[in-house]
Amino acid sequence: MGHLAAAQEAMHFARLSRVLFTPSASNPLKQGEPISETCHRVAMTELAIGSNPSFELSRADLGGDGPSYTVDLLAGLKESLTRDTDLAFIAGMDVLAELQRWREPRRILELARLIVISRPGEESLSPSIVESYLPGASSRITVVETPGVAISSTGVRERMAAGEPIRYLVPDAVIEYIAEHRLYR
């Protein structure tokens, strides 16, 4: 629910016409961490966004072997869209602290504006911290404070593993899918 609220808030604040949800096959910064099978993450994403006509599932980051890089995703999306289409990439606040670790961070900011989501209870960072290694970058970064719960997807998985309830933290259809496929136990 936090991701959905953040996407809706970013869409409103940044005046986006739609939001693409792009599950990735393999996050290079999370190598070795346990992750659900791609088919399950795609299905849960589809269920979660299904009631919002402005939200759309994209499989653009699922092809290929090896890790998925944001710069490649954005370059591919940019190629497939009309010239005058502006891209915005919505990410959590933690991206400001780790953007320098990403592949081609300057090109990412050339391809898309970065909309950084600040969740309740989370320390808010200033886009100016990126300036030390990417001068001028803060002009391409917008921080959006979102309402909602201060819980992450990691927190939801931990609650599931501990047998704690996740109702009202995740859409009901996703809870049913998780139970049916016995995920995160």
C-alpha atoms as a PDB file:
ATOM      1  CA  MET A   1       0.000   0.000   0.000  1.00  0.00           C
ATOM      2  CA  GLY A   2       2.936   2.302   0.684  1.00  0.00           C
ATOM      3  CA  HIS A   3       4.223   1.877  -2.862  1.00  0.00           C
ATOM      4  CA  LEU A   4       0.763   2.553  -4.280  1.00  0.00           C
ATOM      5  CA  ALA A   5       0.274   5.673  -2.145  1.00  0.00           C
ATOM      6  CA  ALA A   6       3.762   6.900  -3.086  1.00  0.00           C
ATOM      7  CA  ALA A   7       3.111   6.338  -6.798  1.00  0.00           C
ATOM      8  CA  GLN A   8      -0.214   8.180  -6.597  1.00  0.00           C
ATOM      9  CA  GLU A   9       1.340  11.084  -4.701  1.00  0.00           C
ATOM     10  CA  ALA A  10       4.280  11.307  -7.128  1.00  0.00           C
ATOM     11  CA  MET A  11       1.870  11.187 -10.051  1.00  0.00           C
ATOM     12  CA  HIS A  12      -0.156  14.067  -8.629  1.00  0.00           C
ATOM     13  CA  PHE A  13       2.758  16.186  -7.425  1.00  0.00           C
ATOM     14  CA  ALA A  14       4.852  15.781 -10.599  1.00  0.00           C
ATOM     15  CA  ARG A  15       1.799  15.893 -12.914  1.00  0.00           C
ATOM     16  CA  LEU A  16       2.537  12.522 -14.492  1.00  0.00           C
ATOM     17  CA  SER A  17       0.032  11.084 -16.956  1.00  0.00           C
ATOM     18  CA  ARG A  18       0.719   7.488 -15.891  1.00  0.00           C
ATOM     19  CA  VAL A  19       3.015   5.411 -13.723  1.00  0.00           C
ATOM     20  CA  LEU A  20       4.708   2.289 -15.022  1.00  0.00           C
ATOM     21  CA  PHE A  21       5.520  -0.384 -12.471  1.00  0.00           C
ATOM     22  CA  THR A  22       8.599  -2.235 -13.705  1.00  0.00           C
ATOM     23  CA  PRO A  23       9.570  -5.319 -11.718  1.00  0.00           C
ATOM     24  CA  SER A  24      13.191  -6.178 -12.436  1.00  0.00           C
ATOM     25  CA  ALA A  25      14.625  -9.601 -13.115  1.00  0.00           C
ATOM     26  CA  SER A  26      17.735  -9.037 -11.019  1.00  0.00           C
ATOM     27  CA  ASN A  27      18.751  -5.967  -8.990  1.00  0.00           C
ATOM     28  CA  PRO A  28      22.564  -5.637  -9.127  1.00  0.00           C
ATOM     29  CA  LEU A  29      22.646  -3.911  -5.715  1.00  0.00           C
ATOM     30  CA  LYS A  30      20.756  -6.772  -4.081  1.00  0.00           C
ATOM     31  CA  GLN A  31      22.749  -9.723  -5.403  1.00  0.00           C
ATOM     32  CA  GLY A  32      22.684 -12.653  -3.009  1.00  0.00           C
ATOM     33  CA  GLU A  33      19.589 -11.432  -1.131  1.00  0.00           C
ATOM     34  CA  PRO A  34      16.539 -13.701  -1.094  1.00  0.00           C
ATOM     35  CA  ILE A  35      13.976 -12.629  -3.683  1.00  0.00           C
ATOM     36  CA  SER A  36      10.660 -13.993  -4.914  1.00  0.00           C
ATOM     37  CA  GLU A  37      10.524 -15.575  -8.325  1.00  0.00           C
ATOM     38  CA  THR A  38       9.935 -13.033 -11.082  1.00  0.00           C
ATOM     39  CA  CYS A  39       6.591 -14.584 -12.063  1.00  0.00           C
ATOM     40  CA  HIS A  40       5.255 -14.021  -8.519  1.00  0.00           C
ATOM     41  CA  ARG A  41       6.482 -10.411  -8.330  1.00  0.00           C
ATOM     42  CA  VAL A  42       4.888  -9.655 -11.706  1.00  0.00           C
ATOM     43  CA  ALA A  43       1.573 -11.272 -10.690  1.00  0.00           C
ATOM     44  CA  MET A  44       1.469  -9.437  -7.342  1.00  0.00           C
ATOM     45  CA  THR A  45       2.277  -6.130  -9.045  1.00  0.00           C
ATOM     46  CA  GLU A  46      -0.537  -6.705 -11.521  1.00  0.00           C
ATOM     47  CA  LEU A  47      -2.982  -7.469  -8.717  1.00  0.00           C
ATOM     48  CA  ALA A  48      -1.877  -4.453  -6.664  1.00  0.00           C
ATOM     49  CA  ILE A  49      -2.232  -1.880  -9.448  1.00  0.00           C
ATOM     50  CA  GLY A  50      -5.248  -3.353 -11.225  1.00  0.00           C
ATOM     51  CA  SER A  51      -7.815  -0.926  -9.814  1.00  0.00           C
ATOM     52  CA  ASN A  52      -5.981   2.243 -10.912  1.00  0.00           C
ATOM     53  CA  PRO A  53      -6.270   2.996 -14.648  1.00  0.00           C
ATOM     54  CA  SER A  54      -3.256   5.356 -14.423  1.00  0.00           C
ATOM     55  CA  PHE A  55      -0.998   2.559 -13.174  1.00  0.00           C
ATOM     56  CA  GLU A  56       0.432   0.154 -15.713  1.00  0.00           C
ATOM     57  CA  LEU A  57       2.602  -2.953 -15.532  1.00  0.00           C
ATOM     58  CA  SER A  58       5.697  -2.837 -17.726  1.00  0.00           C
ATOM     59  CA  ARG A  59       7.793  -5.893 -18.482  1.00  0.00           C
ATOM     60  CA  ALA A  60      10.553  -3.712 -19.953  1.00  0.00           C
ATOM     61  CA  ASP A  61      13.027  -4.689 -17.211  1.00  0.00           C
ATOM     62  CA  LEU A  62      12.437  -8.440 -17.318  1.00  0.00           C
ATOM     63  CA  GLY A  63      14.303  -9.526 -20.439  1.00  0.00           C
ATOM     64  CA  GLY A  64      17.900 -10.516 -20.796  1.00  0.00           C
ATOM     65  CA  ASP A  65      20.387 -12.340 -18.666  1.00  0.00           C
ATOM     66  CA  GLY A  66      22.250 -10.859 -15.744  1.00  0.00           C
ATOM     67  CA  PRO A  67      21.461  -7.828 -13.621  1.00  0.00           C
ATOM     68  CA  SER A  68      18.917  -5.162 -14.571  1.00  0.00           C
ATOM     69  CA  TYR A  69      20.314  -1.632 -14.641  1.00  0.00           C
ATOM     70  CA  THR A  70      18.096   1.438 -14.342  1.00  0.00           C
ATOM     71  CA  VAL A  71      20.068   3.264 -17.022  1.00  0.00           C
ATOM     72  CA  ASP A  72      19.306   0.468 -19.522  1.00  0.00           C
ATOM     73  CA  LEU A  73      15.630   0.431 -18.550  1.00  0.00           C
ATOM     74  CA  LEU A  74      15.323   4.201 -19.002  1.00  0.00           C
ATOM     75  CA  ALA A  75      17.229   4.174 -22.317  1.00  0.00           C
ATOM     76  CA  GLY A  76      14.926   1.444 -23.634  1.00  0.00           C
ATOM     77  CA  LEU A  77      11.804   3.263 -22.495  1.00  0.00           C
ATOM     78  CA  LYS A  78      13.054   6.530 -23.997  1.00  0.00           C
ATOM     79  CA  GLU A  79      13.561   4.779 -27.366  1.00  0.00           C
ATOM     80  CA  SER A  80      10.057   3.352 -27.326  1.00  0.00           C
ATOM     81  CA  LEU A  81       8.313   6.651 -26.522  1.00  0.00           C
ATOM     82  CA  THR A  82       7.724   9.766 -28.573  1.00  0.00           C
ATOM     83  CA  ARG A  83      10.463  12.419 -28.549  1.00  0.00           C
ATOM     84  CA  ASP A  84       8.507  14.900 -26.459  1.00  0.00           C
ATOM     85  CA  THR A  85       7.717  12.383 -23.698  1.00  0.00           C
ATOM     86  CA  ASP A  86       9.470  13.240 -20.451  1.00  0.00           C
ATOM     87  CA  LEU A  87      10.403  10.380 -18.187  1.00  0.00           C
ATOM     88  CA  ALA A  88      10.440  10.491 -14.426  1.00  0.00           C
ATOM     89  CA  PHE A  89      11.913   7.718 -12.297  1.00  0.00           C
ATOM     90  CA  ILE A  90      10.256   7.259  -8.899  1.00  0.00           C
ATOM     91  CA  ALA A  91      12.480   5.825  -6.169  1.00  0.00           C
ATOM     92  CA  GLY A  92      12.798   5.719  -2.400  1.00  0.00           C
ATOM     93  CA  MET A  93      14.786   8.215  -0.339  1.00  0.00           C
ATOM     94  CA  ASP A  94      17.637   5.717  -0.030  1.00  0.00           C
ATOM     95  CA  VAL A  95      18.511   6.315  -3.697  1.00  0.00           C
ATOM     96  CA  LEU A  96      20.035   9.691  -2.793  1.00  0.00           C
ATOM     97  CA  ALA A  97      22.603   7.985  -0.583  1.00  0.00           C
ATOM     98  CA  GLU A  98      23.432   5.243  -3.076  1.00  0.00           C
ATOM     99  CA  LEU A  99      22.995   6.808  -6.528  1.00  0.00           C
ATOM    100  CA  GLN A 100      26.773   6.995  -6.931  1.00  0.00           C
ATOM    101  CA  ARG A 101      26.846   3.171  -6.799  1.00  0.00           C
ATOM    102  CA  TRP A 102      24.420   2.881  -9.702  1.00  0.00           C
ATOM    103  CA  ARG A 103      25.590   2.354 -13.259  1.00  0.00           C
ATOM    104  CA  GLU A 104      25.900   5.697 -15.105  1.00  0.00           C
ATOM    105  CA  PRO A 105      24.102   7.953 -12.602  1.00  0.00           C
ATOM    106  CA  ARG A 106      24.654  11.071 -14.719  1.00  0.00           C
ATOM    107  CA  ARG A 107      23.000   9.406 -17.726  1.00  0.00           C
ATOM    108  CA  ILE A 108      20.084   8.282 -15.544  1.00  0.00           C
ATOM    109  CA  LEU A 109      19.441  11.937 -14.683  1.00  0.00           C
ATOM    110  CA  GLU A 110      19.777  12.923 -18.347  1.00  0.00           C
ATOM    111  CA  LEU A 111      17.185  10.335 -19.366  1.00  0.00           C
ATOM    112  CA  ALA A 112      14.694  11.050 -16.572  1.00  0.00           C
ATOM    113  CA  ARG A 113      13.852  13.344 -13.717  1.00  0.00           C
ATOM    114  CA  LEU A 114      14.286  11.606 -10.378  1.00  0.00           C
ATOM    115  CA  ILE A 115      11.323  11.748  -8.018  1.00  0.00           C
ATOM    116  CA  VAL A 116      12.432  10.686  -4.559  1.00  0.00           C
ATOM    117  CA  ILE A 117       9.789   9.498  -2.133  1.00  0.00           C
ATOM    118  CA  SER A 118      10.082  10.408   1.529  1.00  0.00           C
ATOM    119  CA  ARG A 119       8.040   8.075   3.716  1.00  0.00           C
ATOM    120  CA  PRO A 120       6.709   8.885   7.183  1.00  0.00           C
ATOM    121  CA  GLY A 121       9.265   8.196   9.899  1.00  0.00           C
ATOM    122  CA  GLU A 122      12.158   8.102   7.444  1.00  0.00           C
ATOM    123  CA  GLU A 123      15.085  10.499   7.575  1.00  0.00           C
ATOM    124  CA  SER A 124      14.730  12.950   4.713  1.00  0.00           C
ATOM    125  CA  LEU A 125      17.882  13.637   2.729  1.00  0.00           C
ATOM    126  CA  SER A 126      18.490  16.680   0.585  1.00  0.00           C
ATOM    127  CA  PRO A 127      19.111  16.301  -3.165  1.00  0.00           C
ATOM    128  CA  SER A 128      22.178  18.479  -2.587  1.00  0.00           C
ATOM    129  CA  ILE A 129      24.082  15.426  -1.256  1.00  0.00           C
ATOM    130  CA  VAL A 130      24.266  14.197  -4.859  1.00  0.00           C
ATOM    131  CA  GLU A 131      25.975  17.454  -5.895  1.00  0.00           C
ATOM    132  CA  SER A 132      29.313  16.346  -4.425  1.00  0.00           C
ATOM    133  CA  TYR A 133      29.738  13.693  -7.124  1.00  0.00           C
ATOM    134  CA  LEU A 134      27.261  14.895  -9.794  1.00  0.00           C
ATOM    135  CA  PRO A 135      27.340  18.706 -10.020  1.00  0.00           C
ATOM    136  CA  GLY A 136      24.001  20.085 -11.205  1.00  0.00           C
ATOM    137  CA  ALA A 137      22.126  16.882 -10.389  1.00  0.00           C
ATOM    138  CA  SER A 138      19.868  18.386  -7.738  1.00  0.00           C
ATOM    139  CA  SER A 139      18.033  20.375 -10.438  1.00  0.00           C
ATOM    140  CA  ARG A 140      16.790  17.008 -11.818  1.00  0.00           C
ATOM    141  CA  ILE A 141      15.682  15.674  -8.412  1.00  0.00           C
ATOM    142  CA  THR A 142      12.375  16.332  -6.651  1.00  0.00           C
ATOM    143  CA  VAL A 143      11.529  15.089  -3.169  1.00  0.00           C
ATOM    144  CA  VAL A 144       7.876  14.160  -2.594  1.00  0.00           C
ATOM    145  CA  GLU A 145       6.645  13.533   0.937  1.00  0.00           C
ATOM    146  CA  THR A 146       3.993  10.868   0.992  1.00  0.00           C
ATOM    147  CA  PRO A 147       1.283  10.017   3.452  1.00  0.00           C
ATOM    148  CA  GLY A 148       0.903   6.436   4.501  1.00  0.00           C
ATOM    149  CA  VAL A 149       2.498   3.779   6.586  1.00  0.00           C
ATOM    150  CA  ALA A 150       6.151   3.693   7.499  1.00  0.00           C
ATOM    151  CA  ILE A 151       6.786   0.116   6.427  1.00  0.00           C
ATOM    152  CA  SER A 152       8.895  -1.263   3.618  1.00  0.00           C
ATOM    153  CA  SER A 153       8.419  -4.302   1.426  1.00  0.00           C
ATOM    154  CA  THR A 154      11.226  -5.890   3.459  1.00  0.00           C
ATOM    155  CA  GLY A 155       9.178  -5.198   6.599  1.00  0.00           C
ATOM    156  CA  VAL A 156       6.121  -6.834   5.047  1.00  0.00           C
ATOM    157  CA  ARG A 157       8.141  -9.953   4.156  1.00  0.00           C
ATOM    158  CA  GLU A 158       9.566 -10.064   7.697  1.00  0.00           C
ATOM    159  CA  ARG A 159       6.053  -9.814   9.174  1.00  0.00           C
ATOM    160  CA  MET A 160       4.902 -12.665   6.917  1.00  0.00           C
ATOM    161  CA  ALA A 161       7.848 -14.837   7.957  1.00  0.00           C
ATOM    162  CA  ALA A 162       7.049 -14.157  11.627  1.00  0.00           C
ATOM    163  CA  GLY A 163       3.374 -15.014  11.125  1.00  0.00           C
ATOM    164  CA  GLU A 164       2.266 -11.432  11.809  1.00  0.00           C
ATOM    165  CA  PRO A 165      -0.693  -9.858   9.972  1.00  0.00           C
ATOM    166  CA  ILE A 166      -0.155  -7.732   6.865  1.00  0.00           C
ATOM    167  CA  ARG A 167      -3.771  -6.724   6.292  1.00  0.00           C
ATOM    168  CA  TYR A 168      -4.049  -3.023   5.356  1.00  0.00           C
ATOM    169  CA  LEU A 169      -0.337  -3.013   4.503  1.00  0.00           C
ATOM    170  CA  VAL A 170      -0.854  -4.846   1.195  1.00  0.00           C
ATOM    171  CA  PRO A 171      -3.928  -5.035  -1.080  1.00  0.00           C
ATOM    172  CA  ASP A 172      -6.250  -7.920  -0.217  1.00  0.00           C
ATOM    173  CA  ALA A 173      -5.757  -9.530  -3.647  1.00  0.00           C
ATOM    174  CA  VAL A 174      -1.995  -9.654  -3.013  1.00  0.00           C
ATOM    175  CA  ILE A 175      -2.512 -11.187   0.448  1.00  0.00           C
ATOM    176  CA  GLU A 176      -4.629 -13.902  -1.166  1.00  0.00           C
ATOM    177  CA  TYR A 177      -1.955 -14.513  -3.809  1.00  0.00           C
ATOM    178  CA  ILE A 178       0.773 -14.767  -1.158  1.00  0.00           C
ATOM    179  CA  ALA A 179      -1.298 -17.285   0.818  1.00  0.00           C
ATOM    180  CA  GLU A 180      -2.203 -19.320  -2.273  1.00  0.00           C
ATOM    181  CA  HIS A 181       1.440 -19.578  -3.379  1.00  0.00           C
ATOM    182  CA  ARG A 182       2.804 -19.929   0.179  1.00  0.00           C
ATOM    183  CA  LEU A 183       5.318 -17.093  -0.234  1.00  0.00           C
ATOM    184  CA  TYR A 184       7.537 -15.558   2.477  1.00  0.00           C
ATOM    185  CA  ARG A 185       7.140 -18.328   5.051  1.00  0.00           C
END
